[in-house]
Amino acid sequence: MPRIIAVIPAKTQSNRVQNKNLRDLCGKPLYRYALDNCVAANVFEKIYLSSDGILDTDLKATLHNRQMPLCGDVPASEVAREVVRDMYADVLTIPEWTCLVQPTSPCLRSSTLAAAAGLCAEDVDAVIAHAPEALGAPCGAFYFVRTYMLLHMVCFADVLRNAETAGRMVWYPIASSEAVDVDCHWHLDLVEMILRGRGHA
């Protein structure tokens, strides 16, 4: 298995749902689901939580202090690139793969994340989550990408487009229940219903 790190971009502010990543959902904040899934997947050399204000003392991840320019509405791929640049000054220590795990997809299962990570050992450059009913569009729950591509990208969409054109990108199908992305208040209700159905208090 190649070396893979996970980056969870969890800023404290959001536009549509205030303090979304800190919102309590079945007994724990939204971002903790992504973190706990990364830990349970047991495939990541290191897990980084990139935030501008989360002060969780029980983290099973390395906290990356997100700088002000990256606290607004910037692509999560920019945050992941900044984490790699900040944490790996020596180019020889940079991991082969970086996985971007969205904190707004709390219904993603750790087993799905682990299975997708297994494809990083194949001759591909990207492994992208998508819900089949979305007709191939990425759902955003997770993106595995070769770290060197992340570091040298101009635009993340171009990186994915080039990988797809070259036949080196894998669309990884996930269940629609795992693909729910919390982007508005009614999504919180839907996610809570799914999690309670799985036995979360």
N, C-alpha and C. Protein backbone atom coordinates (compact mmCIF):
# COMPACT_ATOMS: atom_id res chain seq x y z
N MET A 1 0.85 -1.19 0.00
CA MET A 1 0.00 0.00 0.00
C MET A 1 0.89 1.24 0.00
N PRO A 2 0.62 2.20 -0.89
CA PRO A 2 1.40 3.43 -0.90
C PRO A 2 1.12 4.29 0.33
N ARG A 3 1.98 5.26 0.57
CA ARG A 3 1.78 6.18 1.69
C ARG A 3 0.67 7.17 1.33
N ILE A 4 -0.32 7.26 2.21
CA ILE A 4 -1.46 8.15 1.97
C ILE A 4 -1.72 8.97 3.23
N ILE A 5 -1.94 10.26 3.05
CA ILE A 5 -2.40 11.10 4.16
C ILE A 5 -3.82 11.54 3.87
N ALA A 6 -4.53 11.88 4.93
CA ALA A 6 -5.89 12.43 4.79
C ALA A 6 -5.88 13.87 5.25
N VAL A 7 -6.60 14.71 4.53
CA VAL A 7 -6.78 16.11 4.91
C VAL A 7 -8.27 16.38 5.03
N ILE A 8 -8.68 16.87 6.20
CA ILE A 8 -10.08 17.23 6.44
C ILE A 8 -10.14 18.75 6.58
N PRO A 9 -10.70 19.44 5.59
CA PRO A 9 -10.78 20.91 5.65
C PRO A 9 -12.01 21.35 6.43
N ALA A 10 -11.84 21.74 7.67
CA ALA A 10 -12.97 22.04 8.55
C ALA A 10 -12.91 23.46 9.08
N LYS A 11 -13.27 24.43 8.24
CA LYS A 11 -13.30 25.81 8.71
C LYS A 11 -14.48 26.00 9.65
N THR A 12 -14.41 27.01 10.50
CA THR A 12 -15.47 27.20 11.50
C THR A 12 -16.69 27.94 10.96
N GLN A 13 -16.51 28.76 9.93
CA GLN A 13 -17.64 29.53 9.39
C GLN A 13 -18.14 28.93 8.08
N SER A 14 -19.39 29.20 7.78
CA SER A 14 -19.97 28.78 6.50
C SER A 14 -21.09 29.75 6.15
N ASN A 15 -21.45 29.76 4.89
CA ASN A 15 -22.43 30.75 4.42
C ASN A 15 -23.88 30.34 4.70
N ARG A 16 -24.27 29.14 4.29
CA ARG A 16 -25.68 28.76 4.38
C ARG A 16 -26.09 28.26 5.77
N VAL A 17 -25.20 27.50 6.43
CA VAL A 17 -25.48 26.96 7.76
C VAL A 17 -24.38 27.46 8.69
N GLN A 18 -24.71 28.37 9.57
CA GLN A 18 -23.70 28.96 10.46
C GLN A 18 -23.02 27.90 11.33
N ASN A 19 -21.70 28.00 11.41
CA ASN A 19 -20.89 27.07 12.23
C ASN A 19 -21.19 25.61 11.90
N LYS A 20 -21.39 25.35 10.61
CA LYS A 20 -21.82 24.03 10.16
C LYS A 20 -20.94 22.90 10.68
N ASN A 21 -19.63 23.02 10.54
CA ASN A 21 -18.75 21.92 10.92
C ASN A 21 -18.69 21.67 12.41
N LEU A 22 -19.20 22.64 13.20
CA LEU A 22 -19.24 22.50 14.65
C LEU A 22 -20.61 22.06 15.16
N ARG A 23 -21.60 21.98 14.27
CA ARG A 23 -22.96 21.65 14.68
C ARG A 23 -23.03 20.24 15.27
N ASP A 24 -23.73 20.13 16.39
CA ASP A 24 -23.92 18.82 17.02
C ASP A 24 -24.86 17.96 16.18
N LEU A 25 -24.42 16.75 15.93
CA LEU A 25 -25.20 15.80 15.14
C LEU A 25 -25.14 14.45 15.83
N CYS A 26 -26.23 14.06 16.46
CA CYS A 26 -26.28 12.79 17.19
C CYS A 26 -25.16 12.68 18.22
N GLY A 27 -24.88 13.79 18.90
CA GLY A 27 -23.95 13.72 20.02
C GLY A 27 -22.52 14.13 19.76
N LYS A 28 -22.18 14.47 18.53
CA LYS A 28 -20.82 14.94 18.27
C LYS A 28 -20.82 15.93 17.11
N PRO A 29 -19.81 16.80 17.05
CA PRO A 29 -19.81 17.79 15.99
C PRO A 29 -19.62 17.15 14.61
N LEU A 30 -20.15 17.82 13.61
CA LEU A 30 -20.15 17.30 12.24
C LEU A 30 -18.77 16.84 11.79
N TYR A 31 -17.73 17.65 12.03
CA TYR A 31 -16.40 17.31 11.53
C TYR A 31 -15.85 16.02 12.11
N ARG A 32 -16.35 15.62 13.32
CA ARG A 32 -15.82 14.42 13.97
C ARG A 32 -16.16 13.14 13.21
N TYR A 33 -17.24 13.16 12.44
CA TYR A 33 -17.58 11.97 11.66
C TYR A 33 -16.51 11.69 10.61
N ALA A 34 -16.06 12.73 9.92
CA ALA A 34 -14.99 12.55 8.93
C ALA A 34 -13.72 12.07 9.62
N LEU A 35 -13.39 12.69 10.75
CA LEU A 35 -12.19 12.31 11.48
C LEU A 35 -12.26 10.87 11.97
N ASP A 36 -13.37 10.50 12.57
CA ASP A 36 -13.53 9.13 13.08
C ASP A 36 -13.49 8.10 11.95
N ASN A 37 -14.07 8.45 10.79
CA ASN A 37 -14.04 7.55 9.64
C ASN A 37 -12.62 7.36 9.12
N CYS A 38 -11.85 8.43 9.10
CA CYS A 38 -10.46 8.32 8.65
C CYS A 38 -9.66 7.43 9.59
N VAL A 39 -9.87 7.59 10.89
CA VAL A 39 -9.17 6.75 11.87
C VAL A 39 -9.58 5.29 11.71
N ALA A 40 -10.89 5.04 11.59
CA ALA A 40 -11.39 3.67 11.50
C ALA A 40 -10.99 2.99 10.19
N ALA A 41 -10.79 3.77 9.13
CA ALA A 41 -10.39 3.18 7.84
C ALA A 41 -9.02 2.52 7.93
N ASN A 42 -8.17 3.03 8.81
CA ASN A 42 -6.86 2.43 9.09
C ASN A 42 -5.98 2.30 7.84
N VAL A 43 -6.01 3.32 6.98
CA VAL A 43 -5.19 3.29 5.77
C VAL A 43 -4.31 4.53 5.65
N PHE A 44 -4.47 5.48 6.57
CA PHE A 44 -3.76 6.74 6.43
C PHE A 44 -2.54 6.81 7.33
N GLU A 45 -1.42 7.20 6.73
CA GLU A 45 -0.19 7.39 7.50
C GLU A 45 -0.37 8.50 8.52
N LYS A 46 -1.08 9.53 8.13
CA LYS A 46 -1.35 10.65 9.03
C LYS A 46 -2.66 11.30 8.61
N ILE A 47 -3.36 11.87 9.59
CA ILE A 47 -4.62 12.57 9.34
C ILE A 47 -4.44 14.01 9.81
N TYR A 48 -4.77 14.94 8.93
CA TYR A 48 -4.65 16.37 9.26
C TYR A 48 -6.03 17.00 9.27
N LEU A 49 -6.34 17.68 10.35
CA LEU A 49 -7.56 18.47 10.44
C LEU A 49 -7.15 19.92 10.26
N SER A 50 -7.53 20.51 9.13
CA SER A 50 -7.15 21.89 8.83
C SER A 50 -8.30 22.80 9.22
N SER A 51 -8.05 23.66 10.21
CA SER A 51 -9.13 24.50 10.73
C SER A 51 -8.59 25.85 11.17
N ASP A 52 -9.51 26.80 11.26
CA ASP A 52 -9.15 28.13 11.74
C ASP A 52 -9.63 28.37 13.16
N GLY A 53 -10.08 27.31 13.86
CA GLY A 53 -10.56 27.57 15.20
C GLY A 53 -11.04 26.37 16.00
N ILE A 54 -10.93 25.17 15.48
CA ILE A 54 -11.35 23.99 16.24
C ILE A 54 -10.26 23.68 17.27
N LEU A 55 -10.65 23.60 18.52
CA LEU A 55 -9.70 23.35 19.60
C LEU A 55 -10.07 22.08 20.35
N ASP A 56 -10.19 21.01 19.63
CA ASP A 56 -10.59 19.72 20.18
C ASP A 56 -9.39 19.08 20.87
N THR A 57 -9.51 18.78 22.15
CA THR A 57 -8.38 18.19 22.89
C THR A 57 -8.32 16.67 22.72
N ASP A 58 -9.33 16.09 22.08
CA ASP A 58 -9.37 14.63 21.92
C ASP A 58 -9.14 14.23 20.47
N LEU A 59 -8.40 15.03 19.74
CA LEU A 59 -8.17 14.74 18.32
C LEU A 59 -7.26 13.54 18.14
N LYS A 60 -7.60 12.70 17.15
CA LYS A 60 -6.72 11.62 16.74
C LYS A 60 -6.10 12.01 15.41
N ALA A 61 -5.83 13.31 15.29
CA ALA A 61 -5.27 13.87 14.06
C ALA A 61 -4.32 14.99 14.43
N THR A 62 -3.52 15.39 13.46
CA THR A 62 -2.66 16.55 13.64
C THR A 62 -3.44 17.78 13.23
N LEU A 63 -3.48 18.77 14.09
CA LEU A 63 -4.21 19.99 13.80
C LEU A 63 -3.35 20.92 12.95
N HIS A 64 -3.88 21.32 11.82
CA HIS A 64 -3.20 22.27 10.93
C HIS A 64 -3.92 23.60 11.05
N ASN A 65 -3.19 24.63 11.47
CA ASN A 65 -3.77 25.95 11.66
C ASN A 65 -3.92 26.63 10.30
N ARG A 66 -5.16 26.73 9.84
CA ARG A 66 -5.43 27.31 8.54
C ARG A 66 -5.21 28.82 8.57
N GLN A 67 -4.42 29.32 7.64
CA GLN A 67 -4.12 30.75 7.58
C GLN A 67 -5.30 31.53 7.00
N MET A 68 -5.39 32.80 7.36
CA MET A 68 -6.53 33.64 7.02
C MET A 68 -6.94 33.62 5.55
N PRO A 69 -6.01 33.69 4.60
CA PRO A 69 -6.46 33.68 3.19
C PRO A 69 -7.24 32.42 2.81
N LEU A 70 -7.05 31.33 3.56
CA LEU A 70 -7.73 30.08 3.25
C LEU A 70 -8.96 29.84 4.12
N CYS A 71 -9.39 30.87 4.86
CA CYS A 71 -10.54 30.71 5.75
C CYS A 71 -11.86 31.09 5.07
N GLY A 72 -11.79 31.67 3.90
CA GLY A 72 -13.01 32.05 3.18
C GLY A 72 -13.47 30.94 2.25
N ASP A 73 -14.15 31.32 1.20
CA ASP A 73 -14.65 30.35 0.24
C ASP A 73 -13.58 30.02 -0.79
N VAL A 74 -12.68 29.17 -0.41
CA VAL A 74 -11.62 28.72 -1.32
C VAL A 74 -11.80 27.22 -1.54
N PRO A 75 -11.37 26.71 -2.68
CA PRO A 75 -11.50 25.27 -2.93
C PRO A 75 -10.77 24.45 -1.86
N ALA A 76 -11.37 23.35 -1.48
CA ALA A 76 -10.74 22.48 -0.48
C ALA A 76 -9.41 21.96 -0.97
N SER A 77 -9.24 21.83 -2.29
CA SER A 77 -7.97 21.37 -2.84
C SER A 77 -6.84 22.35 -2.51
N GLU A 78 -7.14 23.65 -2.43
CA GLU A 78 -6.14 24.64 -2.06
C GLU A 78 -5.71 24.43 -0.61
N VAL A 79 -6.66 24.08 0.23
CA VAL A 79 -6.35 23.81 1.64
C VAL A 79 -5.45 22.58 1.75
N ALA A 80 -5.79 21.53 1.00
CA ALA A 80 -4.99 20.31 1.04
C ALA A 80 -3.56 20.58 0.58
N ARG A 81 -3.43 21.38 -0.47
CA ARG A 81 -2.09 21.72 -0.97
C ARG A 81 -1.30 22.48 0.09
N GLU A 82 -1.96 23.40 0.79
CA GLU A 82 -1.30 24.17 1.84
C GLU A 82 -0.85 23.28 2.99
N VAL A 83 -1.66 22.29 3.34
CA VAL A 83 -1.29 21.35 4.40
C VAL A 83 -0.01 20.62 4.02
N VAL A 84 0.03 20.10 2.80
CA VAL A 84 1.23 19.36 2.35
C VAL A 84 2.45 20.27 2.37
N ARG A 85 2.31 21.48 1.88
CA ARG A 85 3.45 22.41 1.85
C ARG A 85 3.92 22.77 3.26
N ASP A 86 2.98 22.95 4.19
CA ASP A 86 3.33 23.32 5.56
C ASP A 86 3.96 22.17 6.34
N MET A 87 3.47 20.97 6.12
CA MET A 87 3.85 19.84 6.96
C MET A 87 5.01 19.01 6.40
N TYR A 88 5.32 19.20 5.12
CA TYR A 88 6.37 18.39 4.50
C TYR A 88 7.37 19.29 3.79
N ALA A 89 8.25 19.92 4.57
CA ALA A 89 9.25 20.83 4.01
C ALA A 89 10.27 20.06 3.16
N ASP A 90 10.58 18.83 3.57
CA ASP A 90 11.53 18.00 2.84
C ASP A 90 10.78 17.22 1.76
N VAL A 91 11.11 17.49 0.51
CA VAL A 91 10.39 16.86 -0.60
C VAL A 91 10.48 15.33 -0.56
N LEU A 92 11.53 14.81 0.05
CA LEU A 92 11.70 13.36 0.12
C LEU A 92 10.71 12.69 1.07
N THR A 93 10.08 13.47 1.95
CA THR A 93 9.15 12.89 2.92
C THR A 93 7.68 12.99 2.47
N ILE A 94 7.45 13.65 1.35
CA ILE A 94 6.07 13.85 0.89
C ILE A 94 5.42 12.51 0.56
N PRO A 95 4.21 12.26 1.07
CA PRO A 95 3.53 11.00 0.78
C PRO A 95 3.11 10.93 -0.69
N GLU A 96 2.92 9.71 -1.17
CA GLU A 96 2.56 9.52 -2.58
C GLU A 96 1.15 10.03 -2.89
N TRP A 97 0.25 9.87 -1.94
CA TRP A 97 -1.15 10.22 -2.16
C TRP A 97 -1.68 11.13 -1.06
N THR A 98 -2.59 12.00 -1.45
CA THR A 98 -3.34 12.81 -0.49
C THR A 98 -4.82 12.55 -0.72
N CYS A 99 -5.52 12.32 0.37
CA CYS A 99 -6.98 12.12 0.29
C CYS A 99 -7.66 13.31 0.97
N LEU A 100 -8.50 13.96 0.22
CA LEU A 100 -9.30 15.07 0.73
C LEU A 100 -10.64 14.50 1.18
N VAL A 101 -10.93 14.58 2.47
CA VAL A 101 -12.17 14.02 3.02
C VAL A 101 -13.03 15.18 3.53
N GLN A 102 -14.20 15.33 2.95
CA GLN A 102 -15.06 16.46 3.32
C GLN A 102 -15.76 16.22 4.66
N PRO A 103 -15.69 17.17 5.57
CA PRO A 103 -16.38 17.02 6.86
C PRO A 103 -17.89 17.10 6.71
N THR A 104 -18.35 17.55 5.56
CA THR A 104 -19.80 17.70 5.33
C THR A 104 -20.45 16.43 4.79
N SER A 105 -19.70 15.33 4.78
CA SER A 105 -20.25 14.04 4.36
C SER A 105 -20.17 13.04 5.51
N PRO A 106 -20.95 13.27 6.58
CA PRO A 106 -20.82 12.45 7.78
C PRO A 106 -21.34 11.02 7.63
N CYS A 107 -22.10 10.74 6.58
CA CYS A 107 -22.66 9.40 6.41
C CYS A 107 -21.74 8.46 5.65
N LEU A 108 -20.61 8.98 5.17
CA LEU A 108 -19.62 8.14 4.51
C LEU A 108 -19.14 7.07 5.49
N ARG A 109 -19.02 5.85 5.01
CA ARG A 109 -18.57 4.75 5.88
C ARG A 109 -17.05 4.58 5.78
N SER A 110 -16.45 4.23 6.90
CA SER A 110 -15.00 4.02 6.91
C SER A 110 -14.60 2.88 5.98
N SER A 111 -15.45 1.87 5.86
CA SER A 111 -15.15 0.73 4.98
C SER A 111 -15.10 1.17 3.52
N THR A 112 -15.94 2.12 3.14
CA THR A 112 -15.91 2.66 1.78
C THR A 112 -14.61 3.40 1.54
N LEU A 113 -14.20 4.19 2.50
CA LEU A 113 -12.96 4.95 2.40
C LEU A 113 -11.76 4.00 2.27
N ALA A 114 -11.76 2.93 3.06
CA ALA A 114 -10.67 1.96 3.03
C ALA A 114 -10.62 1.22 1.69
N ALA A 115 -11.78 0.85 1.18
CA ALA A 115 -11.82 0.13 -0.10
C ALA A 115 -11.33 1.03 -1.24
N ALA A 116 -11.73 2.30 -1.22
CA ALA A 116 -11.28 3.23 -2.26
C ALA A 116 -9.78 3.45 -2.16
N ALA A 117 -9.24 3.49 -0.96
CA ALA A 117 -7.80 3.68 -0.77
C ALA A 117 -7.01 2.54 -1.39
N GLY A 118 -7.60 1.36 -1.41
CA GLY A 118 -6.92 0.22 -2.01
C GLY A 118 -6.60 0.41 -3.48
N LEU A 119 -7.37 1.25 -4.17
CA LEU A 119 -7.14 1.51 -5.58
C LEU A 119 -5.91 2.39 -5.81
N CYS A 120 -5.40 3.02 -4.76
CA CYS A 120 -4.21 3.86 -4.89
C CYS A 120 -2.97 3.02 -5.23
N ALA A 121 -3.06 1.72 -5.03
CA ALA A 121 -1.95 0.83 -5.38
C ALA A 121 -1.96 0.49 -6.87
N GLU A 122 -3.03 0.88 -7.56
CA GLU A 122 -3.15 0.61 -9.00
C GLU A 122 -2.46 1.72 -9.79
N ASP A 123 -2.40 1.54 -11.10
CA ASP A 123 -1.75 2.50 -11.99
C ASP A 123 -2.73 3.61 -12.38
N VAL A 124 -3.11 4.42 -11.37
CA VAL A 124 -4.05 5.52 -11.58
C VAL A 124 -3.51 6.78 -10.90
N ASP A 125 -4.12 7.92 -11.22
CA ASP A 125 -3.68 9.18 -10.62
C ASP A 125 -4.72 9.79 -9.68
N ALA A 126 -5.97 9.33 -9.76
CA ALA A 126 -7.03 9.89 -8.92
C ALA A 126 -8.13 8.87 -8.72
N VAL A 127 -8.71 8.89 -7.53
CA VAL A 127 -9.86 8.05 -7.19
C VAL A 127 -10.89 8.98 -6.57
N ILE A 128 -12.02 9.11 -7.24
CA ILE A 128 -13.01 10.12 -6.87
C ILE A 128 -14.34 9.48 -6.53
N ALA A 129 -14.91 9.88 -5.37
CA ALA A 129 -16.23 9.37 -4.98
C ALA A 129 -17.31 9.96 -5.88
N HIS A 130 -18.27 9.13 -6.24
CA HIS A 130 -19.45 9.65 -6.92
C HIS A 130 -20.63 8.73 -6.62
N ALA A 131 -21.81 9.32 -6.64
CA ALA A 131 -23.03 8.56 -6.48
C ALA A 131 -23.52 8.20 -7.88
N PRO A 132 -23.78 6.92 -8.18
CA PRO A 132 -24.16 6.51 -9.53
C PRO A 132 -25.31 7.31 -10.13
N GLU A 133 -26.28 7.69 -9.29
CA GLU A 133 -27.41 8.44 -9.82
C GLU A 133 -27.04 9.86 -10.22
N ALA A 134 -25.80 10.29 -9.87
CA ALA A 134 -25.35 11.63 -10.26
C ALA A 134 -24.70 11.63 -11.64
N LEU A 135 -24.80 10.49 -12.36
CA LEU A 135 -24.31 10.39 -13.73
C LEU A 135 -22.83 10.73 -13.87
N GLY A 136 -22.03 10.20 -12.94
CA GLY A 136 -20.59 10.36 -13.05
C GLY A 136 -20.02 11.61 -12.42
N ALA A 137 -20.87 12.52 -11.97
CA ALA A 137 -20.36 13.73 -11.34
C ALA A 137 -19.83 13.39 -9.95
N PRO A 138 -18.72 14.01 -9.55
CA PRO A 138 -18.21 13.73 -8.21
C PRO A 138 -19.20 14.24 -7.15
N CYS A 139 -19.35 13.47 -6.09
CA CYS A 139 -20.26 13.91 -5.03
C CYS A 139 -19.51 14.73 -3.99
N GLY A 140 -18.20 14.64 -3.99
CA GLY A 140 -17.40 15.47 -3.08
C GLY A 140 -17.04 14.82 -1.76
N ALA A 141 -17.54 13.62 -1.47
CA ALA A 141 -17.26 13.00 -0.17
C ALA A 141 -15.76 12.78 0.04
N PHE A 142 -15.07 12.32 -1.00
CA PHE A 142 -13.61 12.17 -0.90
C PHE A 142 -12.98 12.19 -2.29
N TYR A 143 -11.72 12.63 -2.31
CA TYR A 143 -10.90 12.65 -3.51
C TYR A 143 -9.52 12.13 -3.13
N PHE A 144 -9.07 11.06 -3.74
CA PHE A 144 -7.67 10.64 -3.61
C PHE A 144 -6.94 11.15 -4.84
N VAL A 145 -5.82 11.80 -4.66
CA VAL A 145 -5.04 12.29 -5.80
C VAL A 145 -3.55 12.16 -5.48
N ARG A 146 -2.77 11.87 -6.51
CA ARG A 146 -1.32 11.80 -6.30
C ARG A 146 -0.83 13.17 -5.82
N THR A 147 -0.04 13.17 -4.77
CA THR A 147 0.35 14.41 -4.13
C THR A 147 1.13 15.34 -5.06
N TYR A 148 1.97 14.78 -5.91
CA TYR A 148 2.74 15.66 -6.79
C TYR A 148 1.82 16.42 -7.74
N MET A 149 0.70 15.81 -8.12
CA MET A 149 -0.26 16.50 -8.98
C MET A 149 -0.96 17.62 -8.21
N LEU A 150 -1.26 17.35 -6.96
CA LEU A 150 -1.88 18.36 -6.11
C LEU A 150 -0.97 19.57 -5.94
N LEU A 151 0.31 19.32 -5.74
CA LEU A 151 1.27 20.40 -5.50
C LEU A 151 1.53 21.26 -6.74
N HIS A 152 1.42 20.65 -7.90
CA HIS A 152 1.76 21.36 -9.13
C HIS A 152 0.55 21.81 -9.93
N MET A 153 -0.62 21.67 -9.37
CA MET A 153 -1.83 22.01 -10.11
C MET A 153 -1.98 23.53 -10.23
N VAL A 154 -2.64 23.93 -11.29
CA VAL A 154 -3.11 25.30 -11.41
C VAL A 154 -4.58 25.33 -11.01
N CYS A 155 -5.29 24.33 -11.47
CA CYS A 155 -6.72 24.20 -11.16
C CYS A 155 -7.01 22.73 -10.91
N PHE A 156 -7.64 22.42 -9.77
CA PHE A 156 -7.91 21.04 -9.41
C PHE A 156 -8.80 20.36 -10.44
N ALA A 157 -9.75 21.10 -10.99
CA ALA A 157 -10.64 20.54 -12.02
C ALA A 157 -9.82 20.10 -13.24
N ASP A 158 -8.78 20.86 -13.57
CA ASP A 158 -7.92 20.49 -14.70
C ASP A 158 -7.14 19.22 -14.40
N VAL A 159 -6.70 19.07 -13.15
CA VAL A 159 -5.99 17.86 -12.75
C VAL A 159 -6.88 16.64 -12.97
N LEU A 160 -8.13 16.75 -12.52
CA LEU A 160 -9.06 15.63 -12.67
C LEU A 160 -9.39 15.38 -14.14
N ARG A 161 -9.58 16.46 -14.89
CA ARG A 161 -9.91 16.33 -16.31
C ARG A 161 -8.77 15.64 -17.06
N ASN A 162 -7.54 16.03 -16.76
CA ASN A 162 -6.38 15.42 -17.42
C ASN A 162 -6.25 13.95 -17.05
N ALA A 163 -6.49 13.63 -15.78
CA ALA A 163 -6.41 12.24 -15.35
C ALA A 163 -7.49 11.40 -16.02
N GLU A 164 -8.68 11.97 -16.15
CA GLU A 164 -9.77 11.24 -16.80
C GLU A 164 -9.49 11.04 -18.28
N THR A 165 -9.00 12.09 -18.95
CA THR A 165 -8.68 12.01 -20.38
C THR A 165 -7.62 10.94 -20.63
N ALA A 166 -6.66 10.84 -19.73
CA ALA A 166 -5.58 9.86 -19.88
C ALA A 166 -6.00 8.47 -19.42
N GLY A 167 -7.23 8.34 -18.97
CA GLY A 167 -7.70 7.04 -18.49
C GLY A 167 -7.09 6.64 -17.17
N ARG A 168 -6.68 7.62 -16.37
CA ARG A 168 -5.99 7.33 -15.12
C ARG A 168 -6.78 7.82 -13.90
N MET A 169 -8.08 7.95 -14.08
CA MET A 169 -8.94 8.33 -12.96
C MET A 169 -10.01 7.27 -12.78
N VAL A 170 -10.29 6.94 -11.54
CA VAL A 170 -11.33 5.97 -11.20
C VAL A 170 -12.47 6.68 -10.51
N TRP A 171 -13.68 6.54 -11.06
CA TRP A 171 -14.87 7.00 -10.36
C TRP A 171 -15.25 5.89 -9.38
N TYR A 172 -15.25 6.19 -8.10
CA TYR A 172 -15.57 5.16 -7.10
C TYR A 172 -17.02 5.32 -6.66
N PRO A 173 -17.89 4.37 -7.03
CA PRO A 173 -19.31 4.52 -6.69
C PRO A 173 -19.58 4.33 -5.20
N ILE A 174 -20.36 5.24 -4.64
CA ILE A 174 -20.79 5.09 -3.24
C ILE A 174 -22.30 5.20 -3.18
N ALA A 175 -22.87 4.65 -2.12
CA ALA A 175 -24.33 4.67 -1.95
C ALA A 175 -24.83 6.10 -1.81
N SER A 176 -26.02 6.36 -2.27
CA SER A 176 -26.58 7.72 -2.18
C SER A 176 -26.68 8.18 -0.74
N SER A 177 -26.90 7.25 0.19
CA SER A 177 -26.99 7.64 1.61
C SER A 177 -25.63 8.11 2.14
N GLU A 178 -24.54 7.61 1.55
CA GLU A 178 -23.20 8.04 1.97
C GLU A 178 -22.79 9.35 1.31
N ALA A 179 -23.47 9.69 0.22
CA ALA A 179 -23.08 10.85 -0.57
C ALA A 179 -23.74 12.15 -0.14
N VAL A 180 -24.63 12.09 0.85
CA VAL A 180 -25.33 13.31 1.29
C VAL A 180 -24.31 14.33 1.80
N ASP A 181 -24.35 15.52 1.21
CA ASP A 181 -23.44 16.60 1.57
C ASP A 181 -24.23 17.68 2.30
N VAL A 182 -23.85 17.98 3.53
CA VAL A 182 -24.58 18.96 4.33
C VAL A 182 -24.31 20.36 3.78
N ASP A 183 -25.31 20.93 3.12
CA ASP A 183 -25.15 22.24 2.51
C ASP A 183 -26.27 23.20 2.89
N CYS A 184 -27.28 22.68 3.59
CA CYS A 184 -28.38 23.53 4.05
C CYS A 184 -29.02 22.87 5.27
N HIS A 185 -29.96 23.55 5.89
CA HIS A 185 -30.53 23.06 7.15
C HIS A 185 -31.27 21.74 7.00
N TRP A 186 -32.00 21.56 5.89
CA TRP A 186 -32.74 20.30 5.78
C TRP A 186 -31.82 19.11 5.55
N HIS A 187 -30.59 19.35 5.04
CA HIS A 187 -29.62 18.27 4.93
C HIS A 187 -29.23 17.76 6.31
N LEU A 188 -29.17 18.67 7.30
CA LEU A 188 -28.85 18.25 8.66
C LEU A 188 -29.90 17.27 9.18
N ASP A 189 -31.17 17.56 8.89
CA ASP A 189 -32.25 16.66 9.32
C ASP A 189 -32.13 15.30 8.63
N LEU A 190 -31.83 15.32 7.32
CA LEU A 190 -31.70 14.08 6.56
C LEU A 190 -30.54 13.24 7.09
N VAL A 191 -29.40 13.88 7.32
CA VAL A 191 -28.23 13.18 7.82
C VAL A 191 -28.49 12.60 9.21
N GLU A 192 -29.15 13.38 10.05
CA GLU A 192 -29.46 12.88 11.39
C GLU A 192 -30.35 11.64 11.31
N MET A 193 -31.31 11.62 10.39
CA MET A 193 -32.19 10.47 10.22
C MET A 193 -31.38 9.24 9.78
N ILE A 194 -30.46 9.44 8.84
CA ILE A 194 -29.62 8.33 8.36
C ILE A 194 -28.75 7.80 9.49
N LEU A 195 -28.12 8.71 10.24
CA LEU A 195 -27.22 8.27 11.31
C LEU A 195 -27.98 7.57 12.43
N ARG A 196 -29.17 8.07 12.76
CA ARG A 196 -29.98 7.41 13.80
C ARG A 196 -30.40 6.02 13.33
N GLY A 197 -30.65 5.89 12.04
CA GLY A 197 -30.99 4.57 11.47
C GLY A 197 -29.85 3.59 11.58
N ARG A 198 -28.64 4.11 11.67
CA ARG A 198 -27.46 3.24 11.84
C ARG A 198 -27.10 3.00 13.30
N GLY A 199 -27.90 3.57 14.20
CA GLY A 199 -27.68 3.31 15.61
C GLY A 199 -26.96 4.38 16.37
N HIS A 200 -26.70 5.54 15.73
CA HIS A 200 -26.08 6.64 16.47
C HIS A 200 -27.13 7.25 17.38
N ALA A 201 -26.73 7.60 18.60
CA ALA A 201 -27.68 8.12 19.60
C ALA A 201 -28.21 9.48 19.19
